C-alpha atoms as a PDB file:
ATOM      1  CA  UNK A   1      -4.860 -38.063  49.078  1.00  0.00           C
ATOM      2  CA  UNK A   2      -3.723 -34.922  50.695  1.00  0.00           C
ATOM      3  CA  UNK A   3      -0.260 -34.622  52.290  1.00  0.00           C
ATOM      4  CA  UNK A   4       1.013 -32.024  54.496  1.00  0.00           C
ATOM      5  CA  UNK A   5       3.978 -31.518  56.785  1.00  0.00           C
ATOM      6  CA  UNK A   6       3.981 -33.251  60.136  1.00  0.00           C
ATOM      7  CA  UNK A   7       3.382 -29.803  62.022  1.00  0.00           C
ATOM      8  CA  UNK A   8       0.078 -29.170  60.253  1.00  0.00           C
ATOM      9  CA  UNK A   9      -2.881 -29.276  62.321  1.00  0.00           C
ATOM     10  CA  UNK A  10      -5.484 -31.889  61.356  1.00  0.00           C
ATOM     11  CA  UNK A  11      -8.768 -32.238  63.130  1.00  0.00           C
ATOM     12  CA  UNK A  12     -10.449 -35.794  62.807  1.00  0.00           C
ATOM     13  CA  UNK A  13     -13.578 -37.535  63.896  1.00  0.00           C
ATOM     14  CA  UNK A  14     -14.674 -40.717  62.175  1.00  0.00           C
ATOM     15  CA  UNK A  15     -14.597 -40.324  58.328  1.00  0.00           C
ATOM     16  CA  UNK A  16     -14.154 -36.458  58.882  1.00  0.00           C
ATOM     17  CA  UNK A  17     -10.850 -34.573  58.517  1.00  0.00           C
ATOM     18  CA  UNK A  18     -10.341 -30.825  58.385  1.00  0.00           C
ATOM     19  CA  UNK A  19      -6.934 -29.255  57.581  1.00  0.00           C
ATOM     20  CA  UNK A  20      -7.344 -25.647  58.991  1.00  0.00           C
ATOM     21  CA  UNK A  21      -4.096 -24.384  57.409  1.00  0.00           C
ATOM     22  CA  UNK A  22      -5.329 -25.423  53.911  1.00  0.00           C
ATOM     23  CA  UNK A  23      -9.007 -24.652  54.444  1.00  0.00           C
ATOM     24  CA  UNK A  24      -9.600 -28.214  53.385  1.00  0.00           C
ATOM     25  CA  UNK A  25     -12.459 -30.404  54.572  1.00  0.00           C
ATOM     26  CA  UNK A  26     -12.613 -34.084  53.627  1.00  0.00           C
ATOM     27  CA  UNK A  27     -15.546 -36.622  54.363  1.00  0.00           C
ATOM     28  CA  UNK A  28     -14.381 -40.291  53.714  1.00  0.00           C
ATOM     29  CA  UNK A  29     -11.348 -39.068  51.821  1.00  0.00           C
ATOM     30  CA  UNK A  30     -13.181 -36.776  49.458  1.00  0.00           C
ATOM     31  CA  UNK A  31     -13.303 -33.070  49.432  1.00  0.00           C
ATOM     32  CA  UNK A  32     -16.496 -31.168  50.649  1.00  0.00           C
ATOM     33  CA  UNK A  33     -17.818 -28.257  48.930  1.00  0.00           C
ATOM     34  CA  UNK A  34     -18.444 -25.841  51.660  1.00  0.00           C
ATOM     35  CA  UNK A  35     -19.105 -22.102  51.779  1.00  0.00           C
ATOM     36  CA  UNK A  36     -16.942 -20.046  54.133  1.00  0.00           C
ATOM     37  CA  UNK A  37     -19.506 -20.029  56.952  1.00  0.00           C
ATOM     38  CA  UNK A  38     -20.273 -23.718  56.488  1.00  0.00           C
ATOM     39  CA  UNK A  39     -16.553 -24.449  56.717  1.00  0.00           C
ATOM     40  CA  UNK A  40     -16.261 -22.308  59.888  1.00  0.00           C
ATOM     41  CA  UNK A  41     -19.182 -24.291  61.581  1.00  0.00           C
ATOM     42  CA  UNK A  42     -17.724 -27.604  60.669  1.00  0.00           C
ATOM     43  CA  UNK A  43     -14.181 -26.561  61.856  1.00  0.00           C
ATOM     44  CA  UNK A  44     -15.392 -25.234  65.209  1.00  0.00           C
ATOM     45  CA  UNK A  45     -17.734 -28.258  65.939  1.00  0.00           C
ATOM     46  CA  UNK A  46     -14.732 -30.500  65.052  1.00  0.00           C
ATOM     47  CA  UNK A  47     -12.484 -28.511  67.360  1.00  0.00           C
ATOM     48  CA  UNK A  48     -14.846 -29.387  70.174  1.00  0.00           C
ATOM     49  CA  UNK A  49     -15.825 -32.931  68.896  1.00  0.00           C
ATOM     50  CA  UNK A  50     -17.915 -34.860  71.469  1.00  0.00           C
ATOM     51  CA  UNK A  51     -18.811 -31.678  73.451  1.00  0.00           C
ATOM     52  CA  UNK A  52     -21.930 -29.677  73.261  1.00  0.00           C
ATOM     53  CA  UNK A  53     -21.308 -26.112  71.729  1.00  0.00           C
ATOM     54  CA  UNK A  54     -23.872 -23.478  72.404  1.00  0.00           C
ATOM     55  CA  UNK A  55     -25.263 -21.406  69.582  1.00  0.00           C
ATOM     56  CA  UNK A  56     -23.677 -18.332  71.109  1.00  0.00           C
ATOM     57  CA  UNK A  57     -20.314 -19.830  71.366  1.00  0.00           C
ATOM     58  CA  UNK A  58     -20.581 -21.155  67.734  1.00  0.00           C
ATOM     59  CA  UNK A  59     -21.705 -17.804  66.408  1.00  0.00           C
ATOM     60  CA  UNK A  60     -18.863 -15.891  68.152  1.00  0.00           C
ATOM     61  CA  UNK A  61     -16.205 -18.402  66.763  1.00  0.00           C
ATOM     62  CA  UNK A  62     -17.462 -18.312  63.274  1.00  0.00           C
ATOM     63  CA  UNK A  63     -18.777 -14.854  62.724  1.00  0.00           C
ATOM     64  CA  UNK A  64     -16.223 -13.178  65.192  1.00  0.00           C
ATOM     65  CA  UNK A  65     -18.831 -11.137  67.091  1.00  0.00           C
ATOM     66  CA  UNK A  66     -21.804 -11.934  69.394  1.00  0.00           C
ATOM     67  CA  UNK A  67     -24.974 -12.895  67.960  1.00  0.00           C
ATOM     68  CA  UNK A  68     -28.190 -10.901  68.123  1.00  0.00           C
ATOM     69  CA  UNK A  69     -31.116 -12.173  70.100  1.00  0.00           C
ATOM     70  CA  UNK A  70     -33.405 -14.292  67.871  1.00  0.00           C
ATOM     71  CA  UNK A  71     -30.947 -14.706  65.131  1.00  0.00           C
ATOM     72  CA  UNK A  72     -31.103 -18.268  63.659  1.00  0.00           C
ATOM     73  CA  UNK A  73     -28.019 -18.042  61.397  1.00  0.00           C
ATOM     74  CA  UNK A  74     -26.149 -20.893  63.343  1.00  0.00           C
ATOM     75  CA  UNK A  75     -29.191 -23.177  62.998  1.00  0.00           C
ATOM     76  CA  UNK A  76     -29.481 -22.484  59.189  1.00  0.00           C
ATOM     77  CA  UNK A  77     -25.801 -23.257  58.655  1.00  0.00           C
ATOM     78  CA  UNK A  78     -25.614 -26.278  60.885  1.00  0.00           C
ATOM     79  CA  UNK A  79     -28.436 -27.642  58.795  1.00  0.00           C
ATOM     80  CA  UNK A  80     -26.603 -26.965  55.611  1.00  0.00           C
ATOM     81  CA  UNK A  81     -23.453 -28.662  56.935  1.00  0.00           C
ATOM     82  CA  UNK A  82     -25.485 -31.657  58.383  1.00  0.00           C
ATOM     83  CA  UNK A  83     -27.099 -32.157  55.027  1.00  0.00           C
ATOM     84  CA  UNK A  84     -23.844 -32.068  52.982  1.00  0.00           C
ATOM     85  CA  UNK A  85     -22.145 -34.430  55.452  1.00  0.00           C
ATOM     86  CA  UNK A  86     -25.012 -36.908  55.263  1.00  0.00           C
ATOM     87  CA  UNK A  87     -25.048 -36.784  51.559  1.00  0.00           C
ATOM     88  CA  UNK A  88     -21.237 -37.230  51.333  1.00  0.00           C
ATOM     89  CA  UNK A  89     -21.106 -40.197  53.755  1.00  0.00           C
ATOM     90  CA  UNK A  90     -24.520 -42.026  53.750  1.00  0.00           C
ATOM     91  CA  UNK A  91     -25.130 -44.255  56.670  1.00  0.00           C
ATOM     92  CA  UNK A  92     -23.546 -41.821  59.099  1.00  0.00           C
ATOM     93  CA  UNK A  93     -24.797 -39.224  61.462  1.00  0.00           C
ATOM     94  CA  UNK A  94     -22.526 -36.288  62.448  1.00  0.00           C
ATOM     95  CA  UNK A  95     -24.061 -33.342  64.087  1.00  0.00           C
ATOM     96  CA  UNK A  96     -26.384 -33.919  66.964  1.00  0.00           C
ATOM     97  CA  UNK A  97     -28.945 -31.313  68.254  1.00  0.00           C
ATOM     98  CA  UNK A  98     -29.330 -30.871  72.057  1.00  0.00           C
ATOM     99  CA  UNK A  99     -32.432 -28.662  72.411  1.00  0.00           C
ATOM    100  CA  UNK A 100     -31.931 -25.865  74.677  1.00  0.00           C
ATOM    101  CA  UNK A 101     -28.119 -26.428  74.834  1.00  0.00           C
ATOM    102  CA  UNK A 102     -26.606 -26.312  71.317  1.00  0.00           C
ATOM    103  CA  UNK A 103     -24.848 -28.752  68.910  1.00  0.00           C
ATOM    104  CA  UNK A 104     -22.423 -31.635  69.358  1.00  0.00           C
ATOM    105  CA  UNK A 105     -20.308 -33.199  66.597  1.00  0.00           C
ATOM    106  CA  UNK A 106     -19.819 -36.925  66.994  1.00  0.00           C
ATOM    107  CA  UNK A 107     -19.458 -39.022  63.905  1.00  0.00           C
ATOM    108  CA  UNK A 108     -21.544 -42.196  64.437  1.00  0.00           C
ATOM    109  CA  UNK A 109     -22.695 -44.979  62.123  1.00  0.00           C
ATOM    110  CA  UNK A 110     -26.495 -45.155  61.809  1.00  0.00           C
ATOM    111  CA  UNK A 111     -28.078 -48.339  63.373  1.00  0.00           C
ATOM    112  CA  UNK A 112     -30.175 -50.269  61.171  1.00  0.00           C
ATOM    113  CA  UNK A 113     -33.452 -49.154  62.556  1.00  0.00           C
ATOM    114  CA  UNK A 114     -32.351 -45.586  61.585  1.00  0.00           C
ATOM    115  CA  UNK A 115     -31.875 -46.480  57.828  1.00  0.00           C
ATOM    116  CA  UNK A 116     -34.876 -45.636  55.765  1.00  0.00           C
ATOM    117  CA  UNK A 117     -37.151 -48.555  54.718  1.00  0.00           C
ATOM    118  CA  UNK A 118     -36.255 -50.671  51.726  1.00  0.00           C
ATOM    119  CA  UNK A 119     -39.558 -49.836  49.820  1.00  0.00           C
ATOM    120  CA  UNK A 120     -41.506 -52.976  51.005  1.00  0.00           C
END
């Protein structure tokens, strides 16, 4: 397990942890393999956990500049992060889409009716 000085910032939500000073992201205690942009998206959503973050705000925070009209980069990277999180911690949902508003990170275990059928 990772250890750091008490003064180090740690962002947590459910089974997710991000250590910004170390550029380390963990899901259920295991390191996630993320690109720089994927890590940025996850970190910014985790900083605002539970709140809806607009695509524009997310683009500005991760890319460091305003996005261009029609640019879908945020959507692409959110999809990549969502997929990696769901593969790393099956049975959990992390990033929620709010159509017309943006994205919200809130770690939630899936309810039984959301789990795929057992093959019957």
